[in-house]
Amino acid sequence: MLVIRQGTELYCSYDDGVRPLLELVEWFPGGLEGATVADRVVGACAARIFDYLHVAHVVGLTGSISAERILHAAAIPFSFRITVVDILNQDGTGRCPFEQLSALHPDPRDLIPAMRAKLAELRARRQ
């Protein structure tokens, strides 16, 4: 993920998953007004966070239909190279668990703690 504003790089991460989204929330509590965010995959969960942070523009290689709806409703311009119905989990066997959380918690103030809890749960399973 890359975040730029007025030609200045504000944030860059090569991490997969939702960790960069949570870092943005922590590192930019005042939001990212006027910034452009570029990421490999933009699903509904990411779109809700970008809306919460008031980003100005979103660019993604792959984006979901639900992300398009959220960004459109928030009047955030976006462009995706490929649009898919759903963002899949890492195994490709079902819908991404964070996309599921996004559907359950449309308010980012509820979604963010749910994301942190789900991330901790998934980490604990791997250990």
Protein backbone atom coordinates (compact mmCIF):
# COMPACT_ATOMS: atom_id res chain seq x y z
CA MET A 1 0.00 0.00 0.00
CA LEU A 2 1.16 3.48 -0.83
CA VAL A 3 -0.31 6.75 0.44
CA ILE A 4 0.71 10.05 -1.13
CA ARG A 5 -0.47 13.63 -0.72
CA GLN A 6 0.72 16.53 -2.85
CA GLY A 7 3.57 14.41 -4.21
CA THR A 8 4.84 13.38 -0.77
CA GLU A 9 4.87 9.76 0.34
CA LEU A 10 3.09 9.54 3.68
CA TYR A 11 3.02 5.76 4.10
CA CYS A 12 4.31 2.68 2.32
CA SER A 13 3.87 -0.97 3.24
CA TYR A 14 4.60 -4.20 1.42
CA ASP A 15 2.55 -6.23 3.90
CA ASP A 16 -0.43 -8.23 2.71
CA GLY A 17 -3.73 -8.29 4.53
CA VAL A 18 -5.30 -5.73 6.82
CA ARG A 19 -2.31 -4.77 8.96
CA PRO A 20 -1.55 -1.71 6.77
CA LEU A 21 -5.18 -0.56 7.13
CA LEU A 22 -4.93 -0.72 10.90
CA GLU A 23 -1.59 1.08 10.80
CA LEU A 24 -3.17 3.90 8.78
CA VAL A 25 -5.87 4.28 11.43
CA GLU A 26 -3.25 4.38 14.19
CA TRP A 27 -0.68 6.58 12.45
CA PHE A 28 -3.13 9.10 10.98
CA PRO A 29 -5.82 9.66 13.64
CA GLY A 30 -6.68 13.00 12.03
CA GLY A 31 -7.38 11.27 8.72
CA LEU A 32 -5.80 11.46 5.31
CA GLU A 33 -7.78 14.21 3.66
CA GLY A 34 -6.43 15.01 0.21
CA ALA A 35 -4.39 11.79 0.00
CA THR A 36 -4.39 9.13 -2.69
CA VAL A 37 -4.16 5.51 -1.63
CA ALA A 38 -2.90 2.79 -3.97
CA ASP A 39 -3.14 -0.88 -3.04
CA ARG A 40 -3.07 -4.27 -4.69
CA VAL A 41 -6.49 -5.33 -3.39
CA VAL A 42 -9.33 -3.07 -2.28
CA GLY A 43 -12.33 -4.74 -0.72
CA ALA A 44 -15.23 -3.43 1.32
CA CYS A 45 -13.19 -3.47 4.53
CA ALA A 46 -10.49 -1.26 2.99
CA ALA A 47 -13.09 1.00 1.37
CA ARG A 48 -14.75 1.62 4.75
CA ILE A 49 -11.37 2.51 6.29
CA PHE A 50 -10.52 4.83 3.39
CA ASP A 51 -13.89 6.55 3.82
CA TYR A 52 -13.28 6.83 7.58
CA LEU A 53 -9.89 8.46 6.93
CA HIS A 54 -11.38 10.82 4.31
CA VAL A 55 -8.95 9.90 1.53
CA ALA A 56 -9.38 11.78 -1.72
CA HIS A 57 -8.77 8.99 -4.24
CA VAL A 58 -8.30 5.21 -4.27
CA VAL A 59 -6.43 3.16 -6.89
CA GLY A 60 -6.33 -0.63 -6.84
CA LEU A 61 -5.23 -3.45 -9.05
CA THR A 62 -8.22 -5.51 -7.90
CA GLY A 63 -11.34 -4.14 -6.28
CA SER A 64 -14.63 -5.65 -5.24
CA ILE A 65 -18.11 -4.61 -6.26
CA SER A 66 -18.88 -3.87 -2.61
CA ALA A 67 -15.80 -1.60 -2.41
CA GLU A 68 -17.04 0.24 -5.49
CA ARG A 69 -20.44 0.78 -3.85
CA ILE A 70 -18.91 2.08 -0.61
CA LEU A 71 -16.49 4.44 -2.35
CA HIS A 72 -19.18 5.67 -4.74
CA ALA A 73 -21.56 6.38 -1.83
CA ALA A 74 -18.76 8.27 -0.06
CA ALA A 75 -18.04 10.28 -3.25
CA ILE A 76 -14.43 9.02 -3.29
CA PRO A 77 -13.11 8.68 -6.85
CA PHE A 78 -11.56 5.26 -7.48
CA SER A 79 -10.15 3.12 -10.24
CA PHE A 80 -9.58 -0.62 -10.31
CA ARG A 81 -7.88 -2.57 -13.06
CA ILE A 82 -10.08 -5.60 -12.30
CA THR A 83 -13.39 -5.69 -10.44
CA VAL A 84 -14.43 -8.92 -8.74
CA VAL A 85 -17.59 -10.01 -6.95
CA ASP A 86 -15.79 -10.90 -3.71
CA ILE A 87 -12.35 -10.72 -2.18
CA LEU A 88 -11.40 -14.28 -1.24
CA ASN A 89 -9.58 -15.64 1.79
CA GLN A 90 -5.90 -16.57 1.50
CA ASP A 91 -6.76 -20.16 0.61
CA GLY A 92 -9.17 -19.07 -2.10
CA THR A 93 -11.85 -21.29 -0.55
CA GLY A 94 -14.29 -18.61 0.55
CA ARG A 95 -14.93 -14.98 1.22
CA CYS A 96 -12.24 -13.02 3.07
CA PRO A 97 -13.04 -12.94 6.81
CA PHE A 98 -12.44 -9.19 6.90
CA GLU A 99 -14.93 -8.69 4.10
CA GLN A 100 -17.41 -10.62 6.20
CA LEU A 101 -16.65 -8.33 9.16
CA SER A 102 -17.22 -5.31 6.95
CA ALA A 103 -20.71 -6.56 6.13
CA LEU A 104 -21.46 -7.09 9.84
CA HIS A 105 -19.97 -3.75 10.95
CA PRO A 106 -20.65 -1.03 8.38
CA ASP A 107 -19.64 1.68 10.87
CA PRO A 108 -15.83 1.93 10.92
CA ARG A 109 -15.91 2.75 14.65
CA ASP A 110 -17.27 -0.78 15.16
CA LEU A 111 -15.32 -2.35 12.30
CA ILE A 112 -11.85 -1.29 13.49
CA PRO A 113 -11.99 -3.09 16.88
CA ALA A 114 -13.58 -6.10 15.17
CA MET A 115 -10.68 -6.15 12.68
CA ARG A 116 -8.13 -6.06 15.51
CA ALA A 117 -9.89 -8.91 17.31
CA LYS A 118 -10.13 -11.03 14.15
CA LEU A 119 -6.47 -10.42 13.32
CA ALA A 120 -5.47 -11.52 16.85
CA GLU A 121 -7.69 -14.60 16.51
CA LEU A 122 -6.12 -15.59 13.18
CA ARG A 123 -2.60 -15.07 14.55
CA ALA A 124 -3.38 -17.26 17.57
CA ARG A 125 -4.61 -20.07 15.28
CA ARG A 126 -1.33 -20.06 13.36
CA GLN A 127 0.76 -20.49 16.51
